[in-house]
Amino acid sequence: MKIVKFILCLLFGLMFINAGLDKFFHYNPMPKLTDEQVKIFAAFNEIGWLMPLVGGVEIIGGLLFIFPKTRALGAIIILPVMVGILLHNVCRDQSQMGITISVVLFLINVWMIIDNKEKYKHLVS
């Protein structure tokens, strides 16, 4: 089980590092967007600092998520971005593949938060 958890966390972290780097270097091709998605992304791009901020959070959170010692911090850092991804896929994208991937990633994120709950207790006591 320890190896499965490590592999899932490694893949999760690498996916977020890749997504974050893509926000700076734009090397992944964009899928065909609906008119509504074009408007949403245009609004995001209008706020010049938003995508670099999200990309930086994804890179830092992904790096922290990979290593067991920093995984609890990485899971909390990634959580708001993960919630945004999940909500976007459920409310706006609605492709079965996008929803499935975002639900799986969200569940991995929540699993790591629950797995590290002892590290958070002093923050909420």
Protein backbone atom coordinates (compact mmCIF):
# COMPACT_ATOMS: atom_id res chain seq x y z
CA MET A 1 0.00 0.00 0.00
CA LYS A 2 2.92 2.35 0.72
CA ILE A 3 4.22 1.96 -2.84
CA VAL A 4 0.76 2.57 -4.34
CA LYS A 5 0.43 5.75 -2.26
CA PHE A 6 3.88 6.94 -3.34
CA ILE A 7 3.14 6.27 -7.03
CA LEU A 8 -0.24 8.07 -6.84
CA CYS A 9 1.33 11.04 -5.06
CA LEU A 10 4.21 11.15 -7.54
CA LEU A 11 1.82 11.15 -10.51
CA PHE A 12 -0.45 13.69 -8.82
CA GLY A 13 2.49 15.99 -8.10
CA LEU A 14 3.92 15.63 -11.60
CA MET A 15 0.54 16.42 -13.17
CA PHE A 16 0.32 19.65 -11.18
CA ILE A 17 3.93 20.59 -11.89
CA ASN A 18 3.23 20.05 -15.59
CA ALA A 19 0.02 22.11 -15.44
CA GLY A 20 1.82 24.90 -13.60
CA LEU A 21 4.74 24.99 -16.02
CA ASP A 22 2.29 25.06 -18.94
CA LYS A 23 0.79 28.27 -17.56
CA PHE A 24 4.19 29.90 -18.06
CA PHE A 25 5.49 28.21 -21.23
CA HIS A 26 2.26 27.18 -23.06
CA TYR A 27 3.61 23.93 -24.51
CA ASN A 28 0.48 21.76 -24.18
CA PRO A 29 -2.05 22.15 -27.01
CA MET A 30 -5.39 23.63 -25.90
CA PRO A 31 -8.44 21.46 -26.57
CA LYS A 32 -11.33 22.88 -28.58
CA LEU A 33 -13.12 25.32 -26.29
CA THR A 34 -16.80 26.19 -26.24
CA ASP A 35 -17.81 29.83 -26.66
CA GLU A 36 -18.48 30.05 -22.93
CA GLN A 37 -15.04 28.62 -22.09
CA VAL A 38 -13.40 31.12 -24.46
CA LYS A 39 -15.10 33.94 -22.52
CA ILE A 40 -14.02 32.47 -19.18
CA PHE A 41 -10.39 32.07 -20.24
CA ALA A 42 -10.37 35.55 -21.78
CA ALA A 43 -11.53 36.93 -18.43
CA PHE A 44 -8.81 34.96 -16.61
CA ASN A 45 -6.19 36.29 -19.01
CA GLU A 46 -7.48 39.86 -18.56
CA ILE A 47 -6.34 39.57 -14.93
CA GLY A 48 -2.65 39.44 -15.77
CA TRP A 49 -1.44 38.09 -12.44
CA LEU A 50 -4.02 35.28 -12.01
CA MET A 51 -2.60 32.54 -14.23
CA PRO A 52 1.02 33.02 -13.07
CA LEU A 53 -0.24 32.84 -9.47
CA VAL A 54 -2.19 29.63 -10.14
CA GLY A 55 0.78 28.19 -12.06
CA GLY A 56 3.15 28.98 -9.20
CA VAL A 57 0.80 27.41 -6.66
CA GLU A 58 0.49 24.30 -8.85
CA ILE A 59 4.27 23.95 -9.19
CA ILE A 60 5.00 24.50 -5.50
CA GLY A 61 2.08 22.35 -4.35
CA GLY A 62 2.99 19.58 -6.80
CA LEU A 63 6.61 19.53 -5.64
CA LEU A 64 5.57 19.43 -1.98
CA PHE A 65 2.99 16.71 -2.69
CA ILE A 66 5.60 14.31 -4.07
CA PHE A 67 7.71 14.08 -0.91
CA PRO A 68 6.21 12.37 2.17
CA LYS A 69 7.73 14.89 4.59
CA THR A 70 6.04 17.86 2.86
CA ARG A 71 2.95 16.10 1.47
CA ALA A 72 0.57 17.49 4.12
CA LEU A 73 1.52 21.06 3.21
CA GLY A 74 1.33 20.30 -0.52
CA ALA A 75 -2.14 18.77 -0.13
CA ILE A 76 -3.45 21.90 1.60
CA ILE A 77 -1.79 24.25 -0.91
CA ILE A 78 -3.24 22.34 -3.88
CA LEU A 79 -6.76 21.98 -2.39
CA PRO A 80 -8.20 25.37 -3.52
CA VAL A 81 -6.86 24.86 -7.06
CA MET A 82 -8.22 21.30 -7.06
CA VAL A 83 -11.67 22.51 -5.95
CA GLY A 84 -11.62 25.09 -8.78
CA ILE A 85 -10.68 22.43 -11.32
CA LEU A 86 -13.41 20.10 -10.08
CA LEU A 87 -16.07 22.82 -10.09
CA HIS A 88 -15.06 23.98 -13.57
CA ASN A 89 -15.28 20.46 -14.94
CA VAL A 90 -18.63 19.74 -13.29
CA CYS A 91 -20.29 23.12 -14.01
CA ARG A 92 -18.72 24.28 -17.28
CA ASP A 93 -16.83 21.53 -19.12
CA GLN A 94 -19.07 18.55 -18.39
CA SER A 95 -17.02 16.11 -20.46
CA GLN A 96 -17.05 12.68 -18.90
CA MET A 97 -13.26 12.37 -19.11
CA GLY A 98 -12.63 15.77 -17.50
CA ILE A 99 -15.07 15.11 -14.66
CA THR A 100 -13.64 11.63 -14.03
CA ILE A 101 -10.03 12.82 -13.92
CA SER A 102 -10.84 15.77 -11.68
CA VAL A 103 -12.86 13.59 -9.28
CA VAL A 104 -10.02 11.06 -9.05
CA LEU A 105 -7.45 13.81 -8.42
CA PHE A 106 -9.74 15.44 -5.86
CA LEU A 107 -10.15 12.12 -4.04
CA ILE A 108 -6.37 11.58 -3.98
CA ASN A 109 -5.98 15.10 -2.55
CA VAL A 110 -8.62 14.49 0.13
CA TRP A 111 -7.09 11.08 0.94
CA MET A 112 -3.72 12.71 1.59
CA ILE A 113 -5.33 15.37 3.77
CA ILE A 114 -7.11 12.68 5.81
CA ASP A 115 -3.94 10.58 5.89
CA ASN A 116 -2.06 13.54 7.38
CA LYS A 117 -4.81 14.77 9.72
CA GLU A 118 -2.54 14.51 12.77
CA LYS A 119 -0.26 17.19 11.27
CA TYR A 120 -3.19 19.61 10.99
CA LYS A 121 -4.65 19.15 14.48
CA HIS A 122 -2.61 21.89 16.09
CA LEU A 123 -3.79 24.33 13.40
CA VAL A 124 -7.47 23.91 14.27
CA SER A 125 -7.37 23.20 18.00
